């Protein structure tokens, strides 16, 4: 462990991404406040250093770490640099926001909006597998209908979805049988509301653990067939309030 002249400790063995911490997130927040979420903003290290009450070298180093972690993009020019916060950077800020929201609010939830769509039928198969089915009954308190309600999320909900990571999930463990290994998943309590104002509370979102694929798709399970319970068809608009583990 080294101690730099500006007072910050630095472990030279750390990768750029692992070095991203509260100090770098503070820089990301400042850039967002200056318009970094809307597009490129021009900023100099001296200006950033003044805002951080730090040296130019420290400001530059924090920008490098954020860029290395793909939380922002930047283009250096003669009199400064153009920076823009990436989708990953926005997700990191959303996660920070949700952490603070949980501190100051008793009930935490993330509201997502989307339209009903037909799935590929894979949900029916996996939900019915005994290794998952036993855990659903034990941890969710019900045996799910063999199938999922599939939603195409709106663009703003895709961005907001990352905030779910700050909530407490219901974990579903991975397992294996004689033929193959099945991966873990995470569930979150969910309440569904249709455009007509009908609601269904005893549902859960479900997704593979540690995946960023298909962020625009949301799958929901429940004891009943949600399409029939709520009278839903492809293209119908619904709102889903995702909350902490009950």
C-alpha atoms as a PDB file:
ATOM      1  CA  UNK A   1       0.000   0.000   0.000  1.00  0.00           C
ATOM      2  CA  UNK A   2       1.429   3.416  -1.026  1.00  0.00           C
ATOM      3  CA  UNK A   3       0.527   6.859   0.284  1.00  0.00           C
ATOM      4  CA  UNK A   4       0.576   9.589  -2.320  1.00  0.00           C
ATOM      5  CA  UNK A   5       1.547  13.182  -1.685  1.00  0.00           C
ATOM      6  CA  UNK A   6      -2.104  14.296  -1.899  1.00  0.00           C
ATOM      7  CA  UNK A   7      -2.987  12.017   1.015  1.00  0.00           C
ATOM      8  CA  UNK A   8      -4.786   9.282  -0.890  1.00  0.00           C
ATOM      9  CA  UNK A   9      -3.733   5.664  -0.424  1.00  0.00           C
ATOM     10  CA  UNK A  10      -3.103   3.644  -3.545  1.00  0.00           C
ATOM     11  CA  UNK A  11      -2.598  -0.085  -4.009  1.00  0.00           C
ATOM     12  CA  UNK A  12      -0.674  -0.429  -7.240  1.00  0.00           C
ATOM     13  CA  UNK A  13      -1.859  -4.017  -7.597  1.00  0.00           C
ATOM     14  CA  UNK A  14      -5.488  -2.941  -7.949  1.00  0.00           C
ATOM     15  CA  UNK A  15      -7.003  -2.974 -11.404  1.00  0.00           C
ATOM     16  CA  UNK A  16      -8.541   0.224 -12.725  1.00  0.00           C
ATOM     17  CA  UNK A  17     -12.054  -1.101 -12.260  1.00  0.00           C
ATOM     18  CA  UNK A  18     -11.494  -2.355  -8.692  1.00  0.00           C
ATOM     19  CA  UNK A  19     -10.166   1.108  -7.769  1.00  0.00           C
ATOM     20  CA  UNK A  20     -13.545   2.694  -8.445  1.00  0.00           C
ATOM     21  CA  UNK A  21     -15.024   3.643  -5.103  1.00  0.00           C
ATOM     22  CA  UNK A  22     -16.888   6.458  -3.308  1.00  0.00           C
ATOM     23  CA  UNK A  23     -14.410   9.112  -4.503  1.00  0.00           C
ATOM     24  CA  UNK A  24     -14.926   8.177  -8.143  1.00  0.00           C
ATOM     25  CA  UNK A  25     -18.704   7.961  -7.712  1.00  0.00           C
ATOM     26  CA  UNK A  26     -18.618  11.487  -6.289  1.00  0.00           C
ATOM     27  CA  UNK A  27     -16.979  12.615  -9.533  1.00  0.00           C
ATOM     28  CA  UNK A  28     -19.630  10.775 -11.522  1.00  0.00           C
ATOM     29  CA  UNK A  29     -22.328  12.595  -9.565  1.00  0.00           C
ATOM     30  CA  UNK A  30     -20.709  15.977 -10.266  1.00  0.00           C
ATOM     31  CA  UNK A  31     -20.530  15.188 -13.977  1.00  0.00           C
ATOM     32  CA  UNK A  32     -24.205  14.173 -13.968  1.00  0.00           C
ATOM     33  CA  UNK A  33     -25.137  17.455 -12.280  1.00  0.00           C
ATOM     34  CA  UNK A  34     -23.298  19.285 -15.060  1.00  0.00           C
ATOM     35  CA  UNK A  35     -25.244  17.477 -17.787  1.00  0.00           C
ATOM     36  CA  UNK A  36     -23.206  14.327 -18.322  1.00  0.00           C
ATOM     37  CA  UNK A  37     -26.308  12.158 -18.596  1.00  0.00           C
ATOM     38  CA  UNK A  38     -27.709  14.187 -21.484  1.00  0.00           C
ATOM     39  CA  UNK A  39     -24.600  14.035 -23.655  1.00  0.00           C
ATOM     40  CA  UNK A  40     -21.020  15.250 -23.904  1.00  0.00           C
ATOM     41  CA  UNK A  41     -20.002  18.020 -21.513  1.00  0.00           C
ATOM     42  CA  UNK A  42     -16.697  19.863 -21.596  1.00  0.00           C
ATOM     43  CA  UNK A  43     -14.714  19.954 -18.369  1.00  0.00           C
ATOM     44  CA  UNK A  44     -11.138  20.683 -17.316  1.00  0.00           C
ATOM     45  CA  UNK A  45      -9.203  18.898 -14.600  1.00  0.00           C
ATOM     46  CA  UNK A  46      -8.617  22.227 -12.850  1.00  0.00           C
ATOM     47  CA  UNK A  47     -12.358  22.942 -12.710  1.00  0.00           C
ATOM     48  CA  UNK A  48     -13.065  19.438 -11.463  1.00  0.00           C
ATOM     49  CA  UNK A  49     -10.231  19.712  -8.930  1.00  0.00           C
ATOM     50  CA  UNK A  50     -11.757  22.938  -7.551  1.00  0.00           C
ATOM     51  CA  UNK A  51     -15.126  21.239  -7.160  1.00  0.00           C
ATOM     52  CA  UNK A  52     -13.491  18.287  -5.383  1.00  0.00           C
ATOM     53  CA  UNK A  53     -11.093  20.396  -3.318  1.00  0.00           C
ATOM     54  CA  UNK A  54      -8.309  18.162  -4.614  1.00  0.00           C
ATOM     55  CA  UNK A  55      -5.269  18.368  -6.880  1.00  0.00           C
ATOM     56  CA  UNK A  56      -5.410  18.293 -10.674  1.00  0.00           C
ATOM     57  CA  UNK A  57      -3.600  14.940 -10.583  1.00  0.00           C
ATOM     58  CA  UNK A  58      -6.245  13.468  -8.277  1.00  0.00           C
ATOM     59  CA  UNK A  59      -9.065  14.740 -10.480  1.00  0.00           C
ATOM     60  CA  UNK A  60      -7.387  13.287 -13.585  1.00  0.00           C
ATOM     61  CA  UNK A  61      -6.778   9.957 -11.875  1.00  0.00           C
ATOM     62  CA  UNK A  62     -10.410   9.613 -10.853  1.00  0.00           C
ATOM     63  CA  UNK A  63     -11.550  10.314 -14.401  1.00  0.00           C
ATOM     64  CA  UNK A  64      -9.151   7.658 -15.668  1.00  0.00           C
ATOM     65  CA  UNK A  65     -10.566   5.120 -13.232  1.00  0.00           C
ATOM     66  CA  UNK A  66     -14.134   5.895 -14.288  1.00  0.00           C
ATOM     67  CA  UNK A  67     -13.170   5.584 -17.934  1.00  0.00           C
ATOM     68  CA  UNK A  68     -11.342   2.308 -17.280  1.00  0.00           C
ATOM     69  CA  UNK A  69     -14.437   0.926 -15.561  1.00  0.00           C
ATOM     70  CA  UNK A  70     -16.523   2.023 -18.593  1.00  0.00           C
ATOM     71  CA  UNK A  71     -18.652   4.319 -16.436  1.00  0.00           C
ATOM     72  CA  UNK A  72     -17.848   7.280 -18.663  1.00  0.00           C
ATOM     73  CA  UNK A  73     -16.394   8.062 -22.070  1.00  0.00           C
ATOM     74  CA  UNK A  74     -14.048  10.982 -22.683  1.00  0.00           C
ATOM     75  CA  UNK A  75     -12.192  12.699 -25.474  1.00  0.00           C
ATOM     76  CA  UNK A  76      -9.220  14.852 -24.492  1.00  0.00           C
ATOM     77  CA  UNK A  77      -8.674  18.133 -26.364  1.00  0.00           C
ATOM     78  CA  UNK A  78      -6.117  20.924 -25.969  1.00  0.00           C
ATOM     79  CA  UNK A  79      -8.122  22.962 -23.469  1.00  0.00           C
ATOM     80  CA  UNK A  80      -9.860  20.200 -21.513  1.00  0.00           C
ATOM     81  CA  UNK A  81     -11.898  17.105 -22.266  1.00  0.00           C
ATOM     82  CA  UNK A  82     -15.352  16.089 -23.389  1.00  0.00           C
ATOM     83  CA  UNK A  83     -16.975  13.510 -21.137  1.00  0.00           C
ATOM     84  CA  UNK A  84     -20.261  11.597 -21.206  1.00  0.00           C
ATOM     85  CA  UNK A  85     -21.671   9.151 -18.675  1.00  0.00           C
ATOM     86  CA  UNK A  86     -22.284   5.687 -20.142  1.00  0.00           C
ATOM     87  CA  UNK A  87     -25.262   3.418 -19.509  1.00  0.00           C
ATOM     88  CA  UNK A  88     -23.184   1.542 -16.925  1.00  0.00           C
ATOM     89  CA  UNK A  89     -22.364   4.853 -15.266  1.00  0.00           C
ATOM     90  CA  UNK A  90     -26.032   5.787 -15.136  1.00  0.00           C
ATOM     91  CA  UNK A  91     -26.827   2.408 -13.596  1.00  0.00           C
ATOM     92  CA  UNK A  92     -24.168   3.027 -10.932  1.00  0.00           C
ATOM     93  CA  UNK A  93     -25.775   6.384 -10.099  1.00  0.00           C
ATOM     94  CA  UNK A  94     -29.221   4.776  -9.938  1.00  0.00           C
ATOM     95  CA  UNK A  95     -27.878   2.198  -7.487  1.00  0.00           C
ATOM     96  CA  UNK A  96     -26.426   4.985  -5.323  1.00  0.00           C
ATOM     97  CA  UNK A  97     -29.750   6.807  -5.461  1.00  0.00           C
ATOM     98  CA  UNK A  98     -31.646   3.721  -4.371  1.00  0.00           C
ATOM     99  CA  UNK A  99     -29.242   3.198  -1.458  1.00  0.00           C
ATOM    100  CA  UNK A 100     -29.949   6.712  -0.187  1.00  0.00           C
ATOM    101  CA  UNK A 101     -33.639   6.306  -0.861  1.00  0.00           C
ATOM    102  CA  UNK A 102     -33.662   3.216   1.323  1.00  0.00           C
ATOM    103  CA  UNK A 103     -31.965   5.163   4.116  1.00  0.00           C
ATOM    104  CA  UNK A 104     -34.587   7.889   4.139  1.00  0.00           C
ATOM    105  CA  UNK A 105     -37.680   5.877   3.255  1.00  0.00           C
ATOM    106  CA  UNK A 106     -39.236   2.968   5.119  1.00  0.00           C
ATOM    107  CA  UNK A 107     -40.606   1.290   2.007  1.00  0.00           C
ATOM    108  CA  UNK A 108     -38.378   0.896  -1.040  1.00  0.00           C
ATOM    109  CA  UNK A 109     -39.662  -0.030  -4.446  1.00  0.00           C
ATOM    110  CA  UNK A 110     -38.793   0.455  -8.077  1.00  0.00           C
ATOM    111  CA  UNK A 111     -41.594   1.156 -10.544  1.00  0.00           C
ATOM    112  CA  UNK A 112     -41.269  -0.317 -14.025  1.00  0.00           C
ATOM    113  CA  UNK A 113     -43.560   0.076 -17.024  1.00  0.00           C
ATOM    114  CA  UNK A 114     -43.950  -2.137 -20.047  1.00  0.00           C
ATOM    115  CA  UNK A 115     -46.221  -3.947 -22.462  1.00  0.00           C
ATOM    116  CA  UNK A 116     -47.285  -7.581 -22.403  1.00  0.00           C
ATOM    117  CA  UNK A 117     -45.585  -9.819 -24.955  1.00  0.00           C
ATOM    118  CA  UNK A 118     -45.515 -13.519 -25.764  1.00  0.00           C
ATOM    119  CA  UNK A 119     -42.471 -15.400 -24.480  1.00  0.00           C
ATOM    120  CA  UNK A 120     -40.643 -18.351 -25.991  1.00  0.00           C
ATOM    121  CA  UNK A 121     -42.282 -20.863 -23.654  1.00  0.00           C
ATOM    122  CA  UNK A 122     -39.051 -21.556 -21.755  1.00  0.00           C
ATOM    123  CA  UNK A 123     -40.481 -20.239 -18.480  1.00  0.00           C
ATOM    124  CA  UNK A 124     -43.061 -23.029 -18.337  1.00  0.00           C
ATOM    125  CA  UNK A 125     -40.333 -25.662 -18.531  1.00  0.00           C
ATOM    126  CA  UNK A 126     -37.905 -24.182 -15.999  1.00  0.00           C
ATOM    127  CA  UNK A 127     -40.475 -23.181 -13.397  1.00  0.00           C
ATOM    128  CA  UNK A 128     -41.808 -26.733 -13.358  1.00  0.00           C
ATOM    129  CA  UNK A 129     -38.407 -28.321 -12.679  1.00  0.00           C
ATOM    130  CA  UNK A 130     -38.350 -29.944  -9.221  1.00  0.00           C
ATOM    131  CA  UNK A 131     -35.147 -28.229  -8.031  1.00  0.00           C
ATOM    132  CA  UNK A 132     -36.714 -24.805  -8.581  1.00  0.00           C
ATOM    133  CA  UNK A 133     -40.274 -25.776  -7.720  1.00  0.00           C
ATOM    134  CA  UNK A 134     -39.366 -26.840  -4.163  1.00  0.00           C
ATOM    135  CA  UNK A 135     -37.613 -23.534  -3.533  1.00  0.00           C
ATOM    136  CA  UNK A 136     -40.521 -21.490  -4.890  1.00  0.00           C
ATOM    137  CA  UNK A 137     -42.901 -23.226  -2.508  1.00  0.00           C
ATOM    138  CA  UNK A 138     -40.547 -22.768   0.440  1.00  0.00           C
ATOM    139  CA  UNK A 139     -39.286 -19.228  -0.199  1.00  0.00           C
ATOM    140  CA  UNK A 140     -42.125 -17.567  -2.095  1.00  0.00           C
ATOM    141  CA  UNK A 141     -44.918 -19.369  -0.298  1.00  0.00           C
ATOM    142  CA  UNK A 142     -46.645 -20.747  -3.391  1.00  0.00           C
ATOM    143  CA  UNK A 143     -46.300 -23.044  -6.360  1.00  0.00           C
ATOM    144  CA  UNK A 144     -46.106 -20.798  -9.438  1.00  0.00           C
ATOM    145  CA  UNK A 145     -48.358 -21.241 -12.445  1.00  0.00           C
ATOM    146  CA  UNK A 146     -46.194 -23.070 -15.027  1.00  0.00           C
ATOM    147  CA  UNK A 147     -45.371 -20.057 -17.158  1.00  0.00           C
ATOM    148  CA  UNK A 148     -44.292 -16.444 -16.886  1.00  0.00           C
ATOM    149  CA  UNK A 149     -45.885 -13.121 -17.743  1.00  0.00           C
ATOM    150  CA  UNK A 150     -43.437 -11.448 -20.130  1.00  0.00           C
ATOM    151  CA  UNK A 151     -43.077  -7.692 -20.512  1.00  0.00           C
ATOM    152  CA  UNK A 152     -41.191  -5.464 -22.947  1.00  0.00           C
ATOM    153  CA  UNK A 153     -39.969  -2.614 -20.734  1.00  0.00           C
ATOM    154  CA  UNK A 154     -40.068   1.004 -21.828  1.00  0.00           C
ATOM    155  CA  UNK A 155     -36.708   2.671 -22.396  1.00  0.00           C
ATOM    156  CA  UNK A 156     -36.806   4.687 -19.161  1.00  0.00           C
ATOM    157  CA  UNK A 157     -37.732   1.538 -17.220  1.00  0.00           C
ATOM    158  CA  UNK A 158     -34.769  -0.323 -18.726  1.00  0.00           C
ATOM    159  CA  UNK A 159     -32.496   2.340 -17.228  1.00  0.00           C
ATOM    160  CA  UNK A 160     -34.380   2.314 -13.943  1.00  0.00           C
ATOM    161  CA  UNK A 161     -34.253  -1.475 -13.678  1.00  0.00           C
ATOM    162  CA  UNK A 162     -30.664  -1.448 -12.391  1.00  0.00           C
ATOM    163  CA  UNK A 163     -31.946   0.143  -9.172  1.00  0.00           C
ATOM    164  CA  UNK A 164     -33.564  -3.187  -8.297  1.00  0.00           C
ATOM    165  CA  UNK A 165     -30.080  -4.381  -7.353  1.00  0.00           C
ATOM    166  CA  UNK A 166     -30.210  -2.248  -4.194  1.00  0.00           C
ATOM    167  CA  UNK A 167     -33.308  -4.113  -2.958  1.00  0.00           C
ATOM    168  CA  UNK A 168     -33.209  -7.334  -0.945  1.00  0.00           C
ATOM    169  CA  UNK A 169     -33.948 -10.320  -3.196  1.00  0.00           C
ATOM    170  CA  UNK A 170     -35.385 -13.744  -2.579  1.00  0.00           C
ATOM    171  CA  UNK A 171     -32.519 -16.010  -3.719  1.00  0.00           C
ATOM    172  CA  UNK A 172     -33.197 -19.187  -5.660  1.00  0.00           C
ATOM    173  CA  UNK A 173     -30.205 -21.512  -5.480  1.00  0.00           C
ATOM    174  CA  UNK A 174     -28.676 -23.328  -8.400  1.00  0.00           C
ATOM    175  CA  UNK A 175     -28.906 -27.127  -8.450  1.00  0.00           C
ATOM    176  CA  UNK A 176     -28.093 -30.109 -10.614  1.00  0.00           C
ATOM    177  CA  UNK A 177     -29.523 -33.468 -11.615  1.00  0.00           C
ATOM    178  CA  UNK A 178     -28.074 -36.415 -13.498  1.00  0.00           C
ATOM    179  CA  UNK A 179     -28.177 -34.567 -16.802  1.00  0.00           C
ATOM    180  CA  UNK A 180     -27.079 -30.968 -16.205  1.00  0.00           C
ATOM    181  CA  UNK A 181     -26.518 -28.061 -13.828  1.00  0.00           C
ATOM    182  CA  UNK A 182     -29.121 -25.321 -13.418  1.00  0.00           C
ATOM    183  CA  UNK A 183     -28.058 -21.816 -12.438  1.00  0.00           C
ATOM    184  CA  UNK A 184     -29.260 -19.636  -9.553  1.00  0.00           C
ATOM    185  CA  UNK A 185     -31.905 -16.947  -9.899  1.00  0.00           C
ATOM    186  CA  UNK A 186     -33.231 -13.993  -7.937  1.00  0.00           C
ATOM    187  CA  UNK A 187     -36.843 -13.039  -7.260  1.00  0.00           C
ATOM    188  CA  UNK A 188     -38.348  -9.780  -5.998  1.00  0.00           C
ATOM    189  CA  UNK A 189     -41.888  -9.223  -4.704  1.00  0.00           C
ATOM    190  CA  UNK A 190     -43.972  -7.426  -7.326  1.00  0.00           C
ATOM    191  CA  UNK A 191     -47.373  -5.782  -7.584  1.00  0.00           C
ATOM    192  CA  UNK A 192     -48.891  -5.489 -11.063  1.00  0.00           C
ATOM    193  CA  UNK A 193     -51.337  -2.763 -12.055  1.00  0.00           C
ATOM    194  CA  UNK A 194     -53.137  -2.685 -15.387  1.00  0.00           C
ATOM    195  CA  UNK A 195     -54.151   0.426 -17.322  1.00  0.00           C
ATOM    196  CA  UNK A 196     -57.705  -0.195 -16.058  1.00  0.00           C
ATOM    197  CA  UNK A 197     -56.564   0.045 -12.446  1.00  0.00           C
ATOM    198  CA  UNK A 198     -56.755  -3.685 -11.611  1.00  0.00           C
ATOM    199  CA  UNK A 199     -53.973  -4.899  -9.324  1.00  0.00           C
ATOM    200  CA  UNK A 200     -52.362  -8.223  -8.456  1.00  0.00           C
ATOM    201  CA  UNK A 201     -50.062  -8.302  -5.420  1.00  0.00           C
ATOM    202  CA  UNK A 202     -48.876 -11.880  -4.879  1.00  0.00           C
ATOM    203  CA  UNK A 203     -46.335 -12.002  -7.720  1.00  0.00           C
ATOM    204  CA  UNK A 204     -42.550 -11.986  -8.131  1.00  0.00           C
ATOM    205  CA  UNK A 205     -40.115 -10.970 -10.831  1.00  0.00           C
ATOM    206  CA  UNK A 206     -37.596 -13.670 -11.700  1.00  0.00           C
ATOM    207  CA  UNK A 207     -34.252 -13.426 -13.490  1.00  0.00           C
ATOM    208  CA  UNK A 208     -30.982 -15.370 -13.673  1.00  0.00           C
ATOM    209  CA  UNK A 209     -28.478 -14.232 -11.074  1.00  0.00           C
ATOM    210  CA  UNK A 210     -25.692 -11.929 -12.262  1.00  0.00           C
ATOM    211  CA  UNK A 211     -26.836 -11.270 -15.809  1.00  0.00           C
ATOM    212  CA  UNK A 212     -27.135  -8.115 -17.904  1.00  0.00           C
ATOM    213  CA  UNK A 213     -28.704  -9.790 -20.912  1.00  0.00           C
ATOM    214  CA  UNK A 214     -32.173  -8.815 -22.093  1.00  0.00           C
ATOM    215  CA  UNK A 215     -32.538  -5.897 -19.671  1.00  0.00           C
ATOM    216  CA  UNK A 216     -35.550  -4.807 -21.716  1.00  0.00           C
ATOM    217  CA  UNK A 217     -37.401  -8.041 -20.859  1.00  0.00           C
ATOM    218  CA  UNK A 218     -39.098  -8.661 -17.503  1.00  0.00           C
ATOM    219  CA  UNK A 219     -40.506 -12.035 -16.430  1.00  0.00           C
ATOM    220  CA  UNK A 220     -43.069 -12.382 -13.642  1.00  0.00           C
ATOM    221  CA  UNK A 221     -44.354 -15.472 -11.850  1.00  0.00           C
ATOM    222  CA  UNK A 222     -47.433 -15.898  -9.674  1.00  0.00           C
ATOM    223  CA  UNK A 223     -49.701 -18.659  -8.288  1.00  0.00           C
ATOM    224  CA  UNK A 224     -52.284 -17.956 -11.003  1.00  0.00           C
ATOM    225  CA  UNK A 225     -52.089 -17.383 -14.746  1.00  0.00           C
ATOM    226  CA  UNK A 226     -51.731 -13.602 -14.770  1.00  0.00           C
ATOM    227  CA  UNK A 227     -53.045 -13.136 -18.302  1.00  0.00           C
ATOM    228  CA  UNK A 228     -56.367 -14.650 -17.237  1.00  0.00           C
ATOM    229  CA  UNK A 229     -56.487 -13.083 -13.767  1.00  0.00           C
ATOM    230  CA  UNK A 230     -55.952  -9.579 -15.155  1.00  0.00           C
ATOM    231  CA  UNK A 231     -57.469 -10.056 -18.631  1.00  0.00           C
ATOM    232  CA  UNK A 232     -54.221  -9.242 -20.392  1.00  0.00           C
ATOM    233  CA  UNK A 233     -53.314  -9.590 -24.058  1.00  0.00           C
ATOM    234  CA  UNK A 234     -50.178  -8.856 -26.048  1.00  0.00           C
ATOM    235  CA  UNK A 235     -49.590  -5.111 -26.271  1.00  0.00           C
ATOM    236  CA  UNK A 236     -51.449  -4.242 -23.043  1.00  0.00           C
ATOM    237  CA  UNK A 237     -49.684  -1.713 -20.831  1.00  0.00           C
ATOM    238  CA  UNK A 238     -48.923  -2.548 -17.172  1.00  0.00           C
ATOM    239  CA  UNK A 239     -47.020  -1.018 -14.271  1.00  0.00           C
ATOM    240  CA  UNK A 240     -44.966  -3.238 -11.969  1.00  0.00           C
ATOM    241  CA  UNK A 241     -43.919  -2.057  -8.485  1.00  0.00           C
ATOM    242  CA  UNK A 242     -40.890  -4.144  -7.449  1.00  0.00           C
ATOM    243  CA  UNK A 243     -40.113  -4.087  -3.736  1.00  0.00           C
ATOM    244  CA  UNK A 244     -37.929  -5.554  -1.006  1.00  0.00           C
ATOM    245  CA  UNK A 245     -38.129  -9.141   0.168  1.00  0.00           C
ATOM    246  CA  UNK A 246     -41.170  -9.603   2.388  1.00  0.00           C
END
